[in-house]
Every structure is written in structure tokens, then in C-alpha cells.
């Protein structure tokens, strides 16, 4: 009995106690603050690829977590935040300038025309640059212009209409039984190149084949017939709803 009481009353020496590593209190606060700051800048970096509304919600949540605002309120207006740019769509003049520059560098200045019309920007490319006679397989000649257009479409939410046109000389081959088929197939080839090369949404594109029924010149001379053999690409005007979806 006495022996048991003696052993029970003995206290463990400091050397026998387990000592866990500890950190100064300021390091915990510093670590939390660093993590929050990193999350904030990651959100800022990712802003260019998310919708504005989603980003506002994320920043609002960050403010609330930091105790800056009560839940349900938002203080930051992103148009006023230095360093955050909403990347507005390119103005039509800039788009036309880039297409013309790409045409000039590719040596296609006389074969590609760009003009602003009521519906948007119309780009006309002569078919001999794009296709061999009677064919719908794209040639590499016009790729520099199409590639520049892809870059523009990746940064701008324009809807696109691609139209194929021919002259009035009938065609009847094993591949195409009429100019309707040929003009449509050529428009499809250009359209497919654009959305596949840029990984763009196909639903932004409309394809039309007009055969010889929308000429821009008479079909009386070889020169005029060549003008009628073309592909026209219409970048439709950007509506406010299109900007909000981008």
C-alpha cells in the first residue's frame, strides 16, 4: 500500500516529458496572410478567362472571408481596379488593318479585300488563292490570312458567315454535280479550317453556297469570271449579348 502511494506521487521530470516543436505566433498569421494573398493574385491572373460576373462573386467572397464586407455586399468595381483590363473587342478599323497587313505580307494584296459594311466586316478572298479549279481542298497560299483571322476570332466574339461563290460556267464532275455543291463545299472547307485551327465554337459559324447567283462582275470575260469565283467571310457586328458571353 505504502509502496503504491509512493510511486503514484512521483512527478515526471522535465527530461521525461515529450517536447513538440512550436513556432512563434507571428508565423501562423504570416502564413495565413501569404496564402490569402496568393489566392487573390491567382484569381486576378485567371480573370482574363472567366466571366466578369463570376470574378466579381469570387472577389466578393474573398472580401467577406477577410472580414472586409458583410456577406452579400461587394465593394470592388473592376473597371476601376488598376491592372485589371476587361479586354474590349477590337474595333473594326484594327481588325481590317490586321487582315490587310497579313495579306500584304503573304503577297496577296490584290487577291484579298476587306471592307466595313452595315452588317460588319466583309473579307473577300479570290478562289484561285484558296482552291485549285473545280476543287474544294484548301491550298496553303491563303493560310497566313486565315491564321490571322483565327487570332482575331479567338479574342473577339463575332459570329461569322462564310459564303462560297462561283462563276456561271457549269460544273459536273464525280465530286460536284453543280456549282451549288462546289460553292458550298468551298465555304465548308474555309469554315472548318477556321474553327479547327482556333479551337473555336462551330456554332459561331454559318455556311452558305450561292453558286453563280450573286456575281460581283459580269461573266463575259475571263477576268470578270475570276472575280466572281470567291469566298466571302462576314464578321458580324458584335452585339452587347455577345460581349457578355465572351
Protein backbone atom coordinates (compact mmCIF):
# COMPACT_ATOMS: atom_id res chain seq x y z
CA UNK A 1 0.00 0.00 0.00
CA UNK A 2 2.73 2.43 1.02
CA UNK A 3 4.86 1.46 -1.91
CA UNK A 4 1.99 2.11 -4.28
CA UNK A 5 1.36 5.57 -2.82
CA UNK A 6 4.98 6.49 -3.23
CA UNK A 7 5.10 5.59 -6.92
CA UNK A 8 1.85 7.43 -7.58
CA UNK A 9 3.10 10.63 -6.07
CA UNK A 10 6.29 10.78 -8.12
CA UNK A 11 6.16 13.51 -10.82
CA UNK A 12 7.81 13.07 -14.23
CA UNK A 13 10.96 15.07 -14.63
CA UNK A 14 11.15 17.69 -17.46
CA UNK A 15 13.55 15.43 -19.32
CA UNK A 16 10.91 12.69 -19.36
CA UNK A 17 8.19 14.88 -20.89
CA UNK A 18 7.65 14.91 -24.70
CA UNK A 19 8.52 18.26 -26.25
CA UNK A 20 6.76 19.11 -29.58
CA UNK A 21 8.29 21.73 -31.90
CA UNK A 22 6.49 25.03 -31.74
CA UNK A 23 6.58 28.14 -33.97
CA UNK A 24 6.29 31.78 -32.99
CA UNK A 25 2.75 33.11 -33.11
CA UNK A 26 3.53 35.65 -35.83
CA UNK A 27 4.43 32.88 -38.28
CA UNK A 28 0.90 31.46 -38.17
CA UNK A 29 -0.60 34.85 -39.02
CA UNK A 30 2.02 35.44 -41.71
CA UNK A 31 1.32 32.05 -43.29
CA UNK A 32 -2.43 32.69 -43.41
CA UNK A 33 -1.92 36.12 -44.94
CA UNK A 34 0.50 34.75 -47.56
CA UNK A 35 -1.96 32.05 -48.58
CA UNK A 36 -4.79 34.55 -48.96
CA UNK A 37 -2.64 36.92 -50.99
CA UNK A 38 -1.57 34.11 -53.30
CA UNK A 39 -5.22 33.11 -53.85
CA UNK A 40 -6.08 36.73 -54.61
CA UNK A 41 -3.39 37.11 -57.28
CA UNK A 42 -4.26 33.73 -58.81
CA UNK A 43 -7.82 34.98 -59.20
CA UNK A 44 -6.55 38.17 -60.80
CA UNK A 45 -4.43 36.16 -63.23
CA UNK A 46 -7.34 33.90 -64.12
CA UNK A 47 -9.72 36.79 -64.65
CA UNK A 48 -8.95 37.04 -68.35
CA UNK A 49 -10.56 33.62 -68.97
CA UNK A 50 -13.64 33.87 -66.76
CA UNK A 51 -16.80 35.85 -66.95
CA UNK A 52 -16.89 39.17 -65.19
CA UNK A 53 -19.86 38.17 -63.02
CA UNK A 54 -18.06 35.04 -61.81
CA UNK A 55 -14.96 37.03 -60.97
CA UNK A 56 -16.99 39.59 -59.03
CA UNK A 57 -18.53 36.80 -56.98
CA UNK A 58 -15.10 35.31 -56.27
CA UNK A 59 -13.64 38.64 -55.13
CA UNK A 60 -16.74 39.37 -53.05
CA UNK A 61 -16.27 36.04 -51.28
CA UNK A 62 -12.61 36.89 -50.68
CA UNK A 63 -13.58 40.24 -49.14
CA UNK A 64 -16.13 38.59 -46.90
CA UNK A 65 -13.65 35.92 -45.79
CA UNK A 66 -11.21 38.68 -44.85
CA UNK A 67 -13.90 40.44 -42.86
CA UNK A 68 -13.87 43.49 -45.14
CA UNK A 69 -17.56 43.41 -46.01
CA UNK A 70 -20.73 41.82 -44.66
CA UNK A 71 -21.94 38.86 -46.68
CA UNK A 72 -23.94 39.80 -49.74
CA UNK A 73 -22.14 43.09 -50.46
CA UNK A 74 -19.44 43.86 -52.99
CA UNK A 75 -17.12 46.83 -52.85
CA UNK A 76 -14.80 46.38 -55.82
CA UNK A 77 -15.88 47.68 -59.22
CA UNK A 78 -13.48 46.03 -61.63
CA UNK A 79 -13.48 48.79 -64.21
CA UNK A 80 -11.77 50.92 -61.55
CA UNK A 81 -9.17 48.40 -60.40
CA UNK A 82 -5.67 49.26 -61.70
CA UNK A 83 -4.04 46.44 -63.63
CA UNK A 84 -7.29 44.62 -64.49
CA UNK A 85 -8.33 45.13 -68.13
CA UNK A 86 -11.65 43.87 -69.42
CA UNK A 87 -10.14 43.29 -72.92
CA UNK A 88 -12.80 45.00 -75.04
CA UNK A 89 -13.28 43.65 -78.56
CA UNK A 90 -11.02 45.03 -81.26
CA UNK A 91 -12.51 47.99 -83.14
CA UNK A 92 -13.38 47.30 -86.80
CA UNK A 93 -10.57 49.53 -88.09
CA UNK A 94 -7.98 47.49 -86.17
CA UNK A 95 -9.38 44.21 -87.49
CA UNK A 96 -9.27 45.48 -91.08
CA UNK A 97 -5.74 46.78 -90.57
CA UNK A 98 -4.54 43.39 -89.34
CA UNK A 99 -6.17 41.48 -92.20
CA UNK A 100 -4.68 43.84 -94.78
CA UNK A 101 -1.24 43.58 -93.19
CA UNK A 102 -1.41 39.78 -93.25
CA UNK A 103 -2.48 39.86 -96.90
CA UNK A 104 0.36 42.18 -97.81
CA UNK A 105 2.96 40.04 -96.03
CA UNK A 106 1.64 36.92 -97.78
CA UNK A 107 1.86 38.63 -101.18
CA UNK A 108 -1.93 38.55 -101.60
CA UNK A 109 -2.64 42.25 -101.55
CA UNK A 110 -4.60 42.17 -104.82
CA UNK A 111 -6.41 38.94 -104.02
CA UNK A 112 -7.87 39.81 -100.61
CA UNK A 113 -10.16 42.77 -99.97
CA UNK A 114 -11.56 44.00 -96.66
CA UNK A 115 -14.35 46.48 -96.18
CA UNK A 116 -16.76 47.58 -93.49
CA UNK A 117 -20.42 47.08 -94.34
CA UNK A 118 -23.65 47.58 -92.44
CA UNK A 119 -23.62 44.03 -91.07
CA UNK A 120 -19.97 44.03 -90.01
CA UNK A 121 -16.63 43.42 -91.77
CA UNK A 122 -16.57 41.61 -95.10
CA UNK A 123 -13.40 39.84 -96.22
CA UNK A 124 -13.29 38.65 -99.83
CA UNK A 125 -10.69 36.11 -100.96
CA UNK A 126 -10.40 35.11 -104.61
CA UNK A 127 -10.94 31.39 -105.13
CA UNK A 128 -7.74 30.76 -107.16
CA UNK A 129 -5.81 31.64 -104.00
CA UNK A 130 -7.82 29.19 -101.93
CA UNK A 131 -8.56 26.31 -104.30
CA UNK A 132 -7.49 24.63 -107.49
CA UNK A 133 -10.01 24.78 -110.33
CA UNK A 134 -13.08 22.66 -109.61
CA UNK A 135 -11.76 21.60 -106.17
CA UNK A 136 -12.68 22.33 -102.56
CA UNK A 137 -9.41 21.32 -100.87
CA UNK A 138 -7.70 24.38 -99.37
CA UNK A 139 -4.37 25.42 -100.79
CA UNK A 140 -1.68 26.74 -98.41
CA UNK A 141 -1.48 30.13 -100.17
CA UNK A 142 -4.13 31.86 -98.09
CA UNK A 143 -3.23 30.28 -94.74
CA UNK A 144 -1.41 33.39 -93.44
CA UNK A 145 -4.59 35.43 -93.89
CA UNK A 146 -6.82 32.72 -92.42
CA UNK A 147 -4.42 32.28 -89.50
CA UNK A 148 -4.56 36.00 -88.72
CA UNK A 149 -8.34 35.79 -88.85
CA UNK A 150 -8.23 32.88 -86.40
CA UNK A 151 -6.25 35.01 -83.95
CA UNK A 152 -8.81 37.79 -84.23
CA UNK A 153 -11.73 35.41 -83.72
CA UNK A 154 -10.10 33.90 -80.63
CA UNK A 155 -10.08 37.34 -79.00
CA UNK A 156 -13.40 38.61 -80.36
CA UNK A 157 -16.86 37.02 -80.10
CA UNK A 158 -18.01 37.85 -83.64
CA UNK A 159 -20.41 35.48 -85.31
CA UNK A 160 -19.10 34.50 -88.76
CA UNK A 161 -20.83 33.85 -92.08
CA UNK A 162 -18.74 32.10 -94.75
CA UNK A 163 -20.13 32.30 -98.30
CA UNK A 164 -18.95 30.41 -101.37
CA UNK A 165 -19.41 31.85 -104.89
CA UNK A 166 -18.61 30.61 -108.40
CA UNK A 167 -18.80 31.91 -111.95
CA UNK A 168 -21.55 30.81 -114.34
CA UNK A 169 -19.64 28.03 -116.09
CA UNK A 170 -21.45 24.77 -115.25
CA UNK A 171 -19.58 22.01 -113.46
CA UNK A 172 -20.48 18.35 -113.47
CA UNK A 173 -17.84 16.05 -112.02
CA UNK A 174 -17.89 12.90 -109.94
CA UNK A 175 -17.35 15.10 -106.88
CA UNK A 176 -19.62 18.06 -107.65
CA UNK A 177 -22.72 17.88 -109.82
CA UNK A 178 -23.32 21.63 -109.89
CA UNK A 179 -21.95 24.96 -108.75
CA UNK A 180 -24.25 24.76 -105.71
CA UNK A 181 -22.28 21.80 -104.36
CA UNK A 182 -18.93 23.33 -105.28
CA UNK A 183 -19.60 26.73 -103.69
CA UNK A 184 -20.98 25.15 -100.52
CA UNK A 185 -18.10 22.69 -100.20
CA UNK A 186 -15.58 25.52 -100.54
CA UNK A 187 -17.34 27.54 -97.84
CA UNK A 188 -17.32 24.50 -95.57
CA UNK A 189 -13.58 23.97 -96.14
CA UNK A 190 -12.79 27.55 -95.06
CA UNK A 191 -15.16 27.32 -92.10
CA UNK A 192 -13.70 24.05 -90.89
CA UNK A 193 -10.16 25.45 -91.12
CA UNK A 194 -11.09 28.48 -89.02
CA UNK A 195 -12.83 26.73 -86.14
CA UNK A 196 -10.50 23.73 -86.03
CA UNK A 197 -7.30 25.81 -86.21
CA UNK A 198 -8.52 28.19 -83.50
CA UNK A 199 -10.45 25.63 -81.44
CA UNK A 200 -13.47 27.91 -81.85
CA UNK A 201 -17.09 27.00 -81.24
CA UNK A 202 -18.64 25.76 -84.52
CA UNK A 203 -21.98 27.30 -83.52
CA UNK A 204 -20.47 30.73 -84.18
CA UNK A 205 -20.31 29.91 -87.91
CA UNK A 206 -22.89 29.93 -90.68
CA UNK A 207 -22.12 28.44 -94.11
CA UNK A 208 -23.76 29.43 -97.38
CA UNK A 209 -23.21 28.38 -101.00
CA UNK A 210 -24.55 30.80 -103.61
CA UNK A 211 -23.16 29.19 -106.78
CA UNK A 212 -23.15 31.79 -109.61
CA UNK A 213 -26.22 33.70 -108.44
CA UNK A 214 -24.54 36.56 -106.52
CA UNK A 215 -21.95 37.87 -109.01
CA UNK A 216 -19.88 40.99 -108.39
CA UNK A 217 -18.97 41.31 -112.06
CA UNK A 218 -20.25 40.15 -115.42
CA UNK A 219 -19.34 36.69 -116.58
CA UNK A 220 -18.45 37.89 -120.08
CA UNK A 221 -14.66 37.80 -119.74
CA UNK A 222 -12.18 35.51 -118.00
CA UNK A 223 -11.14 38.39 -115.73
CA UNK A 224 -14.71 39.03 -114.58
CA UNK A 225 -15.40 35.33 -114.10
CA UNK A 226 -12.34 35.16 -111.89
CA UNK A 227 -13.73 37.98 -109.73
CA UNK A 228 -16.93 36.00 -109.24
CA UNK A 229 -15.05 32.91 -108.07
CA UNK A 230 -14.52 33.87 -104.45
CA UNK A 231 -15.17 33.16 -100.78
CA UNK A 232 -16.57 35.94 -98.63
CA UNK A 233 -16.21 35.94 -94.85
CA UNK A 234 -18.50 38.23 -92.91
CA UNK A 235 -17.53 39.07 -89.33
CA UNK A 236 -20.88 40.18 -87.99
CA UNK A 237 -21.15 43.19 -85.72
CA UNK A 238 -20.71 42.35 -82.06
CA UNK A 239 -23.87 42.71 -80.02
CA UNK A 240 -23.81 43.51 -76.25
CA UNK A 241 -25.05 39.98 -75.55
CA UNK A 242 -22.06 38.54 -77.43
CA UNK A 243 -19.62 40.53 -75.28
CA UNK A 244 -21.20 39.26 -72.06
CA UNK A 245 -20.75 35.67 -73.24
CA UNK A 246 -17.06 36.09 -74.13
